[in-house]
Amino acid sequence: MESAAQVACATLGLFILDRFEWRTLGDDGSVQSTKREDDIIGGGGTYAILGARMWLPAQRVGIVVDRGSDWPDKVEQELKAYGEDMWEFRDKPEEPTTRALNLYTGEHRGA
């Protein structure tokens, strides 16, 4: 983030990379993965700051993003498209990036 601009909105909420996985139950009760999407930008902090970005320029909003050892370059490019100044990247090469699994089985989430 550019230090010359006064930040009007910052969040301490998390930046998370989500995985969405959809599963079906077979007639015999077996579970099969039917679709999976990885490295989806998520986290409450991320969406809070993106919402603020609708009204404020990138240098007036901010969030700390922990970049782990498994950080995908495509995610960084997606983030920078919203404005490079709003992201404060903190490198953590000894740790993986924070991730979450959103699992849907049949009509139920988290099953």
PDB file of N, CA and C in Angstrom:
ATOM      1  N   MET A   1       0.838  -1.179   0.000  1.00  0.00           N
ATOM      2  CA  MET A   1       0.000   0.000   0.000  1.00  0.00           C
ATOM      3  C   MET A   1       0.880   1.239   0.000  1.00  0.00           C
ATOM      4  N   GLU A   2       0.422   2.259  -0.642  1.00  0.00           N
ATOM      5  CA  GLU A   2       1.146   3.513  -0.693  1.00  0.00           C
ATOM      6  C   GLU A   2       0.971   4.244   0.634  1.00  0.00           C
ATOM      7  N   SER A   3       2.053   4.616   1.267  1.00  0.00           N
ATOM      8  CA  SER A   3       1.974   5.216   2.594  1.00  0.00           C
ATOM      9  C   SER A   3       1.564   6.681   2.562  1.00  0.00           C
ATOM     10  N   ALA A   4       1.665   7.377   1.437  1.00  0.00           N
ATOM     11  CA  ALA A   4       1.337   8.792   1.372  1.00  0.00           C
ATOM     12  C   ALA A   4      -0.162   9.044   1.495  1.00  0.00           C
ATOM     13  N   ALA A   5      -0.986   8.121   1.039  1.00  0.00           N
ATOM     14  CA  ALA A   5      -2.434   8.284   1.112  1.00  0.00           C
ATOM     15  C   ALA A   5      -2.936   7.841   2.478  1.00  0.00           C
ATOM     16  N   GLN A   6      -3.921   8.554   2.986  1.00  0.00           N
ATOM     17  CA  GLN A   6      -4.521   8.185   4.263  1.00  0.00           C
ATOM     18  C   GLN A   6      -5.544   7.079   4.021  1.00  0.00           C
ATOM     19  N   VAL A   7      -5.364   5.970   4.718  1.00  0.00           N
ATOM     20  CA  VAL A   7      -6.285   4.845   4.570  1.00  0.00           C
ATOM     21  C   VAL A   7      -7.574   5.169   5.307  1.00  0.00           C
ATOM     22  N   ALA A   8      -8.692   5.078   4.613  1.00  0.00           N
ATOM     23  CA  ALA A   8      -9.994   5.378   5.193  1.00  0.00           C
ATOM     24  C   ALA A   8     -10.690   4.119   5.694  1.00  0.00           C
ATOM     25  N   CYS A   9     -10.333   2.974   5.137  1.00  0.00           N
ATOM     26  CA  CYS A   9     -10.982   1.717   5.518  1.00  0.00           C
ATOM     27  C   CYS A   9      -9.973   0.583   5.417  1.00  0.00           C
ATOM     28  N   ALA A  10      -9.757  -0.084   6.518  1.00  0.00           N
ATOM     29  CA  ALA A  10      -8.881  -1.260   6.546  1.00  0.00           C
ATOM     30  C   ALA A  10      -9.610  -2.368   7.288  1.00  0.00           C
ATOM     31  N   THR A  11      -9.249  -3.587   7.003  1.00  0.00           N
ATOM     32  CA  THR A  11      -9.867  -4.716   7.682  1.00  0.00           C
ATOM     33  C   THR A  11      -8.794  -5.628   8.254  1.00  0.00           C
ATOM     34  N   LEU A  12      -9.103  -6.219   9.375  1.00  0.00           N
ATOM     35  CA  LEU A  12      -8.255  -7.243   9.961  1.00  0.00           C
ATOM     36  C   LEU A  12      -8.854  -8.622   9.715  1.00  0.00           C
ATOM     37  N   GLY A  13      -9.898  -8.661   8.887  1.00  0.00           N
ATOM     38  CA  GLY A  13     -10.504  -9.927   8.509  1.00  0.00           C
ATOM     39  C   GLY A  13      -9.571 -10.730   7.632  1.00  0.00           C
ATOM     40  N   LEU A  14      -9.887 -11.989   7.468  1.00  0.00           N
ATOM     41  CA  LEU A  14      -9.001 -12.903   6.760  1.00  0.00           C
ATOM     42  C   LEU A  14      -9.147 -12.858   5.250  1.00  0.00           C
ATOM     43  N   PHE A  15      -8.024 -13.114   4.597  1.00  0.00           N
ATOM     44  CA  PHE A  15      -7.998 -13.458   3.184  1.00  0.00           C
ATOM     45  C   PHE A  15      -7.821 -14.969   3.141  1.00  0.00           C
ATOM     46  N   ILE A  16      -8.678 -15.644   2.411  1.00  0.00           N
ATOM     47  CA  ILE A  16      -8.647 -17.109   2.330  1.00  0.00           C
ATOM     48  C   ILE A  16      -8.775 -17.522   0.868  1.00  0.00           C
ATOM     49  N   LEU A  17      -8.084 -18.588   0.507  1.00  0.00           N
ATOM     50  CA  LEU A  17      -8.308 -19.217  -0.788  1.00  0.00           C
ATOM     51  C   LEU A  17      -9.264 -20.378  -0.563  1.00  0.00           C
ATOM     52  N   ASP A  18     -10.384 -20.333  -1.250  1.00  0.00           N
ATOM     53  CA  ASP A  18     -11.418 -21.354  -1.087  1.00  0.00           C
ATOM     54  C   ASP A  18     -11.290 -22.454  -2.129  1.00  0.00           C
ATOM     55  N   ARG A  19     -11.720 -23.629  -1.710  1.00  0.00           N
ATOM     56  CA  ARG A  19     -11.954 -24.761  -2.617  1.00  0.00           C
ATOM     57  C   ARG A  19     -13.435 -25.087  -2.492  1.00  0.00           C
ATOM     58  N   PHE A  20     -14.098 -25.183  -3.624  1.00  0.00           N
ATOM     59  CA  PHE A  20     -15.483 -25.619  -3.659  1.00  0.00           C
ATOM     60  C   PHE A  20     -15.508 -27.015  -4.260  1.00  0.00           C
ATOM     61  N   GLU A  21     -16.177 -27.919  -3.573  1.00  0.00           N
ATOM     62  CA  GLU A  21     -16.276 -29.290  -4.071  1.00  0.00           C
ATOM     63  C   GLU A  21     -17.714 -29.756  -3.950  1.00  0.00           C
ATOM     64  N   TRP A  22     -18.214 -30.305  -5.058  1.00  0.00           N
ATOM     65  CA  TRP A  22     -19.565 -30.846  -5.094  1.00  0.00           C
ATOM     66  C   TRP A  22     -19.470 -32.354  -5.211  1.00  0.00           C
ATOM     67  N   ARG A  23     -20.248 -33.028  -4.370  1.00  0.00           N
ATOM     68  CA  ARG A  23     -20.249 -34.491  -4.355  1.00  0.00           C
ATOM     69  C   ARG A  23     -21.671 -35.003  -4.503  1.00  0.00           C
ATOM     70  N   THR A  24     -21.768 -36.211  -5.001  1.00  0.00           N
ATOM     71  CA  THR A  24     -23.066 -36.865  -5.090  1.00  0.00           C
ATOM     72  C   THR A  24     -23.005 -38.172  -4.331  1.00  0.00           C
ATOM     73  N   LEU A  25     -24.161 -38.615  -3.886  1.00  0.00           N
ATOM     74  CA  LEU A  25     -24.281 -39.910  -3.211  1.00  0.00           C
ATOM     75  C   LEU A  25     -24.816 -40.924  -4.210  1.00  0.00           C
ATOM     76  N   GLY A  26     -24.092 -42.021  -4.346  1.00  0.00           N
ATOM     77  CA  GLY A  26     -24.548 -43.101  -5.215  1.00  0.00           C
ATOM     78  C   GLY A  26     -25.667 -43.892  -4.557  1.00  0.00           C
ATOM     79  N   ASP A  27     -26.320 -44.736  -5.325  1.00  0.00           N
ATOM     80  CA  ASP A  27     -27.400 -45.563  -4.799  1.00  0.00           C
ATOM     81  C   ASP A  27     -26.917 -46.483  -3.687  1.00  0.00           C
ATOM     82  N   ASP A  28     -25.626 -46.842  -3.740  1.00  0.00           N
ATOM     83  CA  ASP A  28     -25.061 -47.720  -2.716  1.00  0.00           C
ATOM     84  C   ASP A  28     -24.500 -46.943  -1.521  1.00  0.00           C
ATOM     85  N   GLY A  29     -24.704 -45.613  -1.504  1.00  0.00           N
ATOM     86  CA  GLY A  29     -24.218 -44.789  -0.396  1.00  0.00           C
ATOM     87  C   GLY A  29     -22.805 -44.262  -0.588  1.00  0.00           C
ATOM     88  N   SER A  30     -22.178 -44.610  -1.701  1.00  0.00           N
ATOM     89  CA  SER A  30     -20.818 -44.126  -1.953  1.00  0.00           C
ATOM     90  C   SER A  30     -20.844 -42.643  -2.325  1.00  0.00           C
ATOM     91  N   VAL A  31     -19.761 -41.967  -2.011  1.00  0.00           N
ATOM     92  CA  VAL A  31     -19.642 -40.543  -2.289  1.00  0.00           C
ATOM     93  C   VAL A  31     -18.661 -40.342  -3.442  1.00  0.00           C
ATOM     94  N   GLN A  32     -19.073 -39.555  -4.422  1.00  0.00           N
ATOM     95  CA  GLN A  32     -18.213 -39.277  -5.566  1.00  0.00           C
ATOM     96  C   GLN A  32     -18.120 -37.769  -5.776  1.00  0.00           C
ATOM     97  N   SER A  33     -16.913 -37.309  -6.039  1.00  0.00           N
ATOM     98  CA  SER A  33     -16.708 -35.901  -6.344  1.00  0.00           C
ATOM     99  C   SER A  33     -17.105 -35.670  -7.797  1.00  0.00           C
ATOM    100  N   THR A  34     -17.986 -34.701  -8.033  1.00  0.00           N
ATOM    101  CA  THR A  34     -18.451 -34.440  -9.389  1.00  0.00           C
ATOM    102  C   THR A  34     -17.847 -33.176  -9.983  1.00  0.00           C
ATOM    103  N   LYS A  35     -17.457 -32.237  -9.118  1.00  0.00           N
ATOM    104  CA  LYS A  35     -16.898 -30.985  -9.600  1.00  0.00           C
ATOM    105  C   LYS A  35     -16.069 -30.366  -8.486  1.00  0.00           C
ATOM    106  N   ARG A  36     -14.958 -29.704  -8.864  1.00  0.00           N
ATOM    107  CA  ARG A  36     -14.111 -29.044  -7.879  1.00  0.00           C
ATOM    108  C   ARG A  36     -13.502 -27.788  -8.494  1.00  0.00           C
ATOM    109  N   GLU A  37     -13.502 -26.712  -7.715  1.00  0.00           N
ATOM    110  CA  GLU A  37     -12.863 -25.463  -8.127  1.00  0.00           C
ATOM    111  C   GLU A  37     -11.907 -25.050  -7.024  1.00  0.00           C
ATOM    112  N   ASP A  38     -10.658 -24.782  -7.388  1.00  0.00           N
ATOM    113  CA  ASP A  38      -9.627 -24.412  -6.417  1.00  0.00           C
ATOM    114  C   ASP A  38      -9.209 -22.955  -6.587  1.00  0.00           C
ATOM    115  N   ASP A  39      -8.593 -22.439  -5.529  1.00  0.00           N
ATOM    116  CA  ASP A  39      -7.996 -21.096  -5.524  1.00  0.00           C
ATOM    117  C   ASP A  39      -8.993 -19.999  -5.856  1.00  0.00           C
ATOM    118  N   ILE A  40     -10.164 -20.071  -5.234  1.00  0.00           N
ATOM    119  CA  ILE A  40     -11.180 -19.040  -5.374  1.00  0.00           C
ATOM    120  C   ILE A  40     -10.948 -18.012  -4.263  1.00  0.00           C
ATOM    121  N   ILE A  41     -10.852 -16.757  -4.629  1.00  0.00           N
ATOM    122  CA  ILE A  41     -10.608 -15.696  -3.652  1.00  0.00           C
ATOM    123  C   ILE A  41     -11.779 -15.628  -2.687  1.00  0.00           C
ATOM    124  N   GLY A  42     -11.464 -15.636  -1.385  1.00  0.00           N
ATOM    125  CA  GLY A  42     -12.516 -15.605  -0.382  1.00  0.00           C
ATOM    126  C   GLY A  42     -12.045 -15.002   0.924  1.00  0.00           C
ATOM    127  N   GLY A  43     -12.889 -15.146   1.921  1.00  0.00           N
ATOM    128  CA  GLY A  43     -12.614 -14.619   3.246  1.00  0.00           C
ATOM    129  C   GLY A  43     -13.432 -13.371   3.512  1.00  0.00           C
ATOM    130  N   GLY A  44     -13.930 -13.250   4.729  1.00  0.00           N
ATOM    131  CA  GLY A  44     -14.759 -12.106   5.097  1.00  0.00           C
ATOM    132  C   GLY A  44     -14.041 -10.779   4.950  1.00  0.00           C
ATOM    133  N   GLY A  45     -12.776 -10.739   5.319  1.00  0.00           N
ATOM    134  CA  GLY A  45     -12.006  -9.509   5.190  1.00  0.00           C
ATOM    135  C   GLY A  45     -11.866  -9.071   3.750  1.00  0.00           C
ATOM    136  N   THR A  46     -11.676 -10.034   2.882  1.00  0.00           N
ATOM    137  CA  THR A  46     -11.523  -9.740   1.456  1.00  0.00           C
ATOM    138  C   THR A  46     -12.786  -9.095   0.901  1.00  0.00           C
ATOM    139  N   TYR A  47     -13.933  -9.679   1.212  1.00  0.00           N
ATOM    140  CA  TYR A  47     -15.172  -9.142   0.669  1.00  0.00           C
ATOM    141  C   TYR A  47     -15.540  -7.814   1.312  1.00  0.00           C
ATOM    142  N   ALA A  48     -15.174  -7.600   2.560  1.00  0.00           N
ATOM    143  CA  ALA A  48     -15.409  -6.304   3.200  1.00  0.00           C
ATOM    144  C   ALA A  48     -14.618  -5.211   2.481  1.00  0.00           C
ATOM    145  N   ILE A  49     -13.360  -5.495   2.192  1.00  0.00           N
ATOM    146  CA  ILE A  49     -12.515  -4.472   1.579  1.00  0.00           C
ATOM    147  C   ILE A  49     -12.873  -4.270   0.107  1.00  0.00           C
ATOM    148  N   LEU A  50     -13.303  -5.325  -0.564  1.00  0.00           N
ATOM    149  CA  LEU A  50     -13.753  -5.159  -1.952  1.00  0.00           C
ATOM    150  C   LEU A  50     -15.044  -4.345  -2.004  1.00  0.00           C
ATOM    151  N   GLY A  51     -15.894  -4.513  -0.999  1.00  0.00           N
ATOM    152  CA  GLY A  51     -17.101  -3.689  -0.919  1.00  0.00           C
ATOM    153  C   GLY A  51     -16.760  -2.223  -0.720  1.00  0.00           C
ATOM    154  N   ALA A  52     -15.791  -1.940   0.155  1.00  0.00           N
ATOM    155  CA  ALA A  52     -15.360  -0.560   0.373  1.00  0.00           C
ATOM    156  C   ALA A  52     -14.738   0.019  -0.889  1.00  0.00           C
ATOM    157  N   ARG A  53     -14.117  -0.827  -1.667  1.00  0.00           N
ATOM    158  CA  ARG A  53     -13.441  -0.398  -2.897  1.00  0.00           C
ATOM    159  C   ARG A  53     -14.420   0.175  -3.916  1.00  0.00           C
ATOM    160  N   MET A  54     -15.688  -0.156  -3.776  1.00  0.00           N
ATOM    161  CA  MET A  54     -16.701   0.389  -4.681  1.00  0.00           C
ATOM    162  C   MET A  54     -16.795   1.910  -4.552  1.00  0.00           C
ATOM    163  N   TRP A  55     -16.510   2.438  -3.347  1.00  0.00           N
ATOM    164  CA  TRP A  55     -16.655   3.867  -3.099  1.00  0.00           C
ATOM    165  C   TRP A  55     -15.329   4.592  -2.887  1.00  0.00           C
ATOM    166  N   LEU A  56     -14.280   3.862  -2.621  1.00  0.00           N
ATOM    167  CA  LEU A  56     -12.991   4.472  -2.312  1.00  0.00           C
ATOM    168  C   LEU A  56     -11.925   4.000  -3.294  1.00  0.00           C
ATOM    169  N   PRO A  57     -10.945   4.855  -3.594  1.00  0.00           N
ATOM    170  CA  PRO A  57      -9.849   4.420  -4.462  1.00  0.00           C
ATOM    171  C   PRO A  57      -8.966   3.406  -3.751  1.00  0.00           C
ATOM    172  N   ALA A  58      -8.223   2.636  -4.511  1.00  0.00           N
ATOM    173  CA  ALA A  58      -7.406   1.544  -3.965  1.00  0.00           C
ATOM    174  C   ALA A  58      -6.449   2.009  -2.878  1.00  0.00           C
ATOM    175  N   GLN A  59      -5.882   3.192  -2.982  1.00  0.00           N
ATOM    176  CA  GLN A  59      -4.921   3.651  -1.979  1.00  0.00           C
ATOM    177  C   GLN A  59      -5.588   4.093  -0.677  1.00  0.00           C
ATOM    178  N   ARG A  60      -6.929   4.091  -0.602  1.00  0.00           N
ATOM    179  CA  ARG A  60      -7.645   4.475   0.618  1.00  0.00           C
ATOM    180  C   ARG A  60      -8.211   3.284   1.374  1.00  0.00           C
ATOM    181  N   VAL A  61      -8.019   2.061   0.862  1.00  0.00           N
ATOM    182  CA  VAL A  61      -8.485   0.845   1.539  1.00  0.00           C
ATOM    183  C   VAL A  61      -7.309  -0.110   1.704  1.00  0.00           C
ATOM    184  N   GLY A  62      -7.427  -1.055   2.641  1.00  0.00           N
ATOM    185  CA  GLY A  62      -6.315  -1.970   2.820  1.00  0.00           C
ATOM    186  C   GLY A  62      -6.660  -3.244   3.566  1.00  0.00           C
ATOM    187  N   ILE A  63      -5.895  -4.277   3.246  1.00  0.00           N
ATOM    188  CA  ILE A  63      -5.994  -5.576   3.907  1.00  0.00           C
ATOM    189  C   ILE A  63      -4.616  -6.237   3.834  1.00  0.00           C
ATOM    190  N   VAL A  64      -4.265  -6.945   4.895  1.00  0.00           N
ATOM    191  CA  VAL A  64      -3.030  -7.727   4.911  1.00  0.00           C
ATOM    192  C   VAL A  64      -3.343  -9.108   4.359  1.00  0.00           C
ATOM    193  N   VAL A  65      -2.559  -9.537   3.381  1.00  0.00           N
ATOM    194  CA  VAL A  65      -2.745 -10.846   2.754  1.00  0.00           C
ATOM    195  C   VAL A  65      -1.495 -11.674   3.014  1.00  0.00           C
ATOM    196  N   ASP A  66      -1.667 -12.799   3.695  1.00  0.00           N
ATOM    197  CA  ASP A  66      -0.545 -13.706   3.958  1.00  0.00           C
ATOM    198  C   ASP A  66      -0.326 -14.597   2.743  1.00  0.00           C
ATOM    199  N   ARG A  67       0.857 -14.468   2.152  1.00  0.00           N
ATOM    200  CA  ARG A  67       1.231 -15.296   1.002  1.00  0.00           C
ATOM    201  C   ARG A  67       2.063 -16.462   1.495  1.00  0.00           C
ATOM    202  N   GLY A  68       1.502 -17.651   1.416  1.00  0.00           N
ATOM    203  CA  GLY A  68       2.204 -18.842   1.866  1.00  0.00           C
ATOM    204  C   GLY A  68       3.081 -19.439   0.785  1.00  0.00           C
ATOM    205  N   SER A  69       3.665 -20.570   1.126  1.00  0.00           N
ATOM    206  CA  SER A  69       4.600 -21.255   0.225  1.00  0.00           C
ATOM    207  C   SER A  69       3.923 -21.768  -1.048  1.00  0.00           C
ATOM    208  N   ASP A  70       2.615 -21.918  -1.025  1.00  0.00           N
ATOM    209  CA  ASP A  70       1.864 -22.450  -2.162  1.00  0.00           C
ATOM    210  C   ASP A  70       1.070 -21.370  -2.903  1.00  0.00           C
ATOM    211  N   TRP A  71       1.497 -20.133  -2.774  1.00  0.00           N
ATOM    212  CA  TRP A  71       0.776 -18.990  -3.333  1.00  0.00           C
ATOM    213  C   TRP A  71       0.707 -19.061  -4.860  1.00  0.00           C
ATOM    214  N   PRO A  72      -0.512 -19.039  -5.452  1.00  0.00           N
ATOM    215  CA  PRO A  72      -0.646 -19.068  -6.906  1.00  0.00           C
ATOM    216  C   PRO A  72      -0.496 -17.666  -7.518  1.00  0.00           C
ATOM    217  N   ASP A  73       0.320 -17.550  -8.533  1.00  0.00           N
ATOM    218  CA  ASP A  73       0.531 -16.266  -9.199  1.00  0.00           C
ATOM    219  C   ASP A  73      -0.765 -15.709  -9.788  1.00  0.00           C
ATOM    220  N   LYS A  74      -1.636 -16.596 -10.276  1.00  0.00           N
ATOM    221  CA  LYS A  74      -2.879 -16.115 -10.903  1.00  0.00           C
ATOM    222  C   LYS A  74      -3.760 -15.388  -9.900  1.00  0.00           C
ATOM    223  N   VAL A  75      -3.709 -15.783  -8.632  1.00  0.00           N
ATOM    224  CA  VAL A  75      -4.495 -15.113  -7.599  1.00  0.00           C
ATOM    225  C   VAL A  75      -3.982 -13.691  -7.393  1.00  0.00           C
ATOM    226  N   GLU A  76      -2.676 -13.538  -7.364  1.00  0.00           N
ATOM    227  CA  GLU A  76      -2.109 -12.206  -7.179  1.00  0.00           C
ATOM    228  C   GLU A  76      -2.506 -11.273  -8.319  1.00  0.00           C
ATOM    229  N   GLN A  77      -2.527 -11.782  -9.525  1.00  0.00           N
ATOM    230  CA  GLN A  77      -2.935 -10.960 -10.665  1.00  0.00           C
ATOM    231  C   GLN A  77      -4.408 -10.567 -10.551  1.00  0.00           C
ATOM    232  N   GLU A  78      -5.243 -11.488 -10.073  1.00  0.00           N
ATOM    233  CA  GLU A  78      -6.659 -11.175  -9.874  1.00  0.00           C
ATOM    234  C   GLU A  78      -6.814 -10.067  -8.838  1.00  0.00           C
ATOM    235  N   LEU A  79      -6.068 -10.160  -7.742  1.00  0.00           N
ATOM    236  CA  LEU A  79      -6.161  -9.155  -6.686  1.00  0.00           C
ATOM    237  C   LEU A  79      -5.702  -7.791  -7.183  1.00  0.00           C
ATOM    238  N   LYS A  80      -4.591  -7.761  -7.879  1.00  0.00           N
ATOM    239  CA  LYS A  80      -4.044  -6.489  -8.350  1.00  0.00           C
ATOM    240  C   LYS A  80      -4.955  -5.795  -9.354  1.00  0.00           C
ATOM    241  N   ALA A  81      -5.840  -6.542  -9.990  1.00  0.00           N
ATOM    242  CA  ALA A  81      -6.785  -5.935 -10.928  1.00  0.00           C
ATOM    243  C   ALA A  81      -7.743  -4.981 -10.215  1.00  0.00           C
ATOM    244  N   TYR A  82      -7.950  -5.169  -8.910  1.00  0.00           N
ATOM    245  CA  TYR A  82      -8.796  -4.264  -8.120  1.00  0.00           C
ATOM    246  C   TYR A  82      -8.044  -3.005  -7.706  1.00  0.00           C
ATOM    247  N   GLY A  83      -6.737  -3.011  -7.833  1.00  0.00           N
ATOM    248  CA  GLY A  83      -5.899  -1.884  -7.450  1.00  0.00           C
ATOM    249  C   GLY A  83      -4.717  -2.384  -6.642  1.00  0.00           C
ATOM    250  N   GLU A  84      -3.522  -2.127  -7.113  1.00  0.00           N
ATOM    251  CA  GLU A  84      -2.331  -2.674  -6.457  1.00  0.00           C
ATOM    252  C   GLU A  84      -2.096  -2.107  -5.072  1.00  0.00           C
ATOM    253  N   ASP A  85      -2.529  -0.890  -4.821  1.00  0.00           N
ATOM    254  CA  ASP A  85      -2.228  -0.223  -3.550  1.00  0.00           C
ATOM    255  C   ASP A  85      -3.009  -0.765  -2.359  1.00  0.00           C
ATOM    256  N   MET A  86      -4.052  -1.495  -2.570  1.00  0.00           N
ATOM    257  CA  MET A  86      -4.908  -1.929  -1.460  1.00  0.00           C
ATOM    258  C   MET A  86      -4.434  -3.204  -0.772  1.00  0.00           C
ATOM    259  N   TRP A  87      -3.490  -3.912  -1.342  1.00  0.00           N
ATOM    260  CA  TRP A  87      -3.036  -5.195  -0.812  1.00  0.00           C
ATOM    261  C   TRP A  87      -1.676  -5.036  -0.141  1.00  0.00           C
ATOM    262  N   GLU A  88      -1.586  -5.417   1.097  1.00  0.00           N
ATOM    263  CA  GLU A  88      -0.303  -5.445   1.805  1.00  0.00           C
ATOM    264  C   GLU A  88       0.077  -6.921   1.951  1.00  0.00           C
ATOM    265  N   PHE A  89       0.967  -7.371   1.095  1.00  0.00           N
ATOM    266  CA  PHE A  89       1.349  -8.783   1.095  1.00  0.00           C
ATOM    267  C   PHE A  89       2.396  -9.042   2.173  1.00  0.00           C
ATOM    268  N   ARG A  90       2.140 -10.073   2.955  1.00  0.00           N
ATOM    269  CA  ARG A  90       3.076 -10.501   4.002  1.00  0.00           C
ATOM    270  C   ARG A  90       3.497 -11.924   3.649  1.00  0.00           C
ATOM    271  N   ASP A  91       4.757 -12.076   3.261  1.00  0.00           N
ATOM    272  CA  ASP A  91       5.255 -13.386   2.839  1.00  0.00           C
ATOM    273  C   ASP A  91       5.516 -14.298   4.025  1.00  0.00           C
ATOM    274  N   LYS A  92       5.037 -15.533   3.912  1.00  0.00           N
ATOM    275  CA  LYS A  92       5.228 -16.570   4.927  1.00  0.00           C
ATOM    276  C   LYS A  92       5.687 -17.844   4.223  1.00  0.00           C
ATOM    277  N   PRO A  93       6.952 -17.895   3.803  1.00  0.00           N
ATOM    278  CA  PRO A  93       7.424 -19.033   3.000  1.00  0.00           C
ATOM    279  C   PRO A  93       7.463 -20.354   3.753  1.00  0.00           C
ATOM    280  N   GLU A  94       7.397 -20.328   5.078  1.00  0.00           N
ATOM    281  CA  GLU A  94       7.425 -21.580   5.847  1.00  0.00           C
ATOM    282  C   GLU A  94       6.029 -22.160   6.074  1.00  0.00           C
ATOM    283  N   GLU A  95       4.987 -21.438   5.655  1.00  0.00           N
ATOM    284  CA  GLU A  95       3.607 -21.855   5.919  1.00  0.00           C
ATOM    285  C   GLU A  95       2.811 -21.889   4.614  1.00  0.00           C
ATOM    286  N   PRO A  96       1.764 -22.720   4.574  1.00  0.00           N
ATOM    287  CA  PRO A  96       0.881 -22.677   3.406  1.00  0.00           C
ATOM    288  C   PRO A  96      -0.067 -21.474   3.506  1.00  0.00           C
ATOM    289  N   THR A  97      -0.613 -21.073   2.389  1.00  0.00           N
ATOM    290  CA  THR A  97      -1.623 -20.024   2.352  1.00  0.00           C
ATOM    291  C   THR A  97      -2.880 -20.537   3.061  1.00  0.00           C
ATOM    292  N   THR A  98      -3.565 -19.655   3.784  1.00  0.00           N
ATOM    293  CA  THR A  98      -4.801 -20.039   4.474  1.00  0.00           C
ATOM    294  C   THR A  98      -5.845 -20.439   3.443  1.00  0.00           C
ATOM    295  N   ARG A  99      -6.443 -21.617   3.658  1.00  0.00           N
ATOM    296  CA  ARG A  99      -7.427 -22.160   2.722  1.00  0.00           C
ATOM    297  C   ARG A  99      -8.640 -22.699   3.479  1.00  0.00           C
ATOM    298  N   ALA A 100      -9.744 -22.826   2.756  1.00  0.00           N
ATOM    299  CA  ALA A 100     -10.963 -23.391   3.328  1.00  0.00           C
ATOM    300  C   ALA A 100     -11.637 -24.276   2.282  1.00  0.00           C
ATOM    301  N   LEU A 101     -12.334 -25.293   2.774  1.00  0.00           N
ATOM    302  CA  LEU A 101     -13.091 -26.197   1.913  1.00  0.00           C
ATOM    303  C   LEU A 101     -14.571 -25.923   2.090  1.00  0.00           C
ATOM    304  N   ASN A 102     -15.250 -25.658   0.994  1.00  0.00           N
ATOM    305  CA  ASN A 102     -16.704 -25.512   0.971  1.00  0.00           C
ATOM    306  C   ASN A 102     -17.239 -26.754   0.270  1.00  0.00           C
ATOM    307  N   LEU A 103     -17.799 -27.654   1.055  1.00  0.00           N
ATOM    308  CA  LEU A 103     -18.182 -28.967   0.555  1.00  0.00           C
ATOM    309  C   LEU A 103     -19.689 -29.093   0.472  1.00  0.00           C
ATOM    310  N   TYR A 104     -20.165 -29.513  -0.674  1.00  0.00           N
ATOM    311  CA  TYR A 104     -21.588 -29.720  -0.906  1.00  0.00           C
ATOM    312  C   TYR A 104     -21.797 -31.174  -1.303  1.00  0.00           C
ATOM    313  N   THR A 105     -22.635 -31.884  -0.549  1.00  0.00           N
ATOM    314  CA  THR A 105     -22.966 -33.266  -0.857  1.00  0.00           C
ATOM    315  C   THR A 105     -24.474 -33.337  -1.048  1.00  0.00           C
ATOM    316  N   GLY A 106     -24.873 -33.703  -2.243  1.00  0.00           N
ATOM    317  CA  GLY A 106     -26.305 -33.705  -2.536  1.00  0.00           C
ATOM    318  C   GLY A 106     -26.844 -32.303  -2.377  1.00  0.00           C
ATOM    319  N   GLU A 107     -27.851 -32.140  -1.552  1.00  0.00           N
ATOM    320  CA  GLU A 107     -28.464 -30.835  -1.307  1.00  0.00           C
ATOM    321  C   GLU A 107     -27.957 -30.187  -0.034  1.00  0.00           C
ATOM    322  N   HIS A 108     -26.915 -30.746   0.587  1.00  0.00           N
ATOM    323  CA  HIS A 108     -26.461 -30.273   1.884  1.00  0.00           C
ATOM    324  C   HIS A 108     -25.054 -29.704   1.821  1.00  0.00           C
ATOM    325  N   ARG A 109     -24.841 -28.599   2.519  1.00  0.00           N
ATOM    326  CA  ARG A 109     -23.508 -28.003   2.603  1.00  0.00           C
ATOM    327  C   ARG A 109     -22.788 -28.585   3.815  1.00  0.00           C
ATOM    328  N   GLY A 110     -21.528 -28.938   3.631  1.00  0.00           N
ATOM    329  CA  GLY A 110     -20.710 -29.408   4.738  1.00  0.00           C
ATOM    330  C   GLY A 110     -20.945 -30.852   5.130  1.00  0.00           C
ATOM    331  N   ALA A 111     -21.686 -31.565   4.343  1.00  0.00           N
ATOM    332  CA  ALA A 111     -22.001 -32.962   4.671  1.00  0.00           C
ATOM    333  C   ALA A 111     -20.924 -33.884   4.165  1.00  0.00           C
TER     334      ALA A 111
END
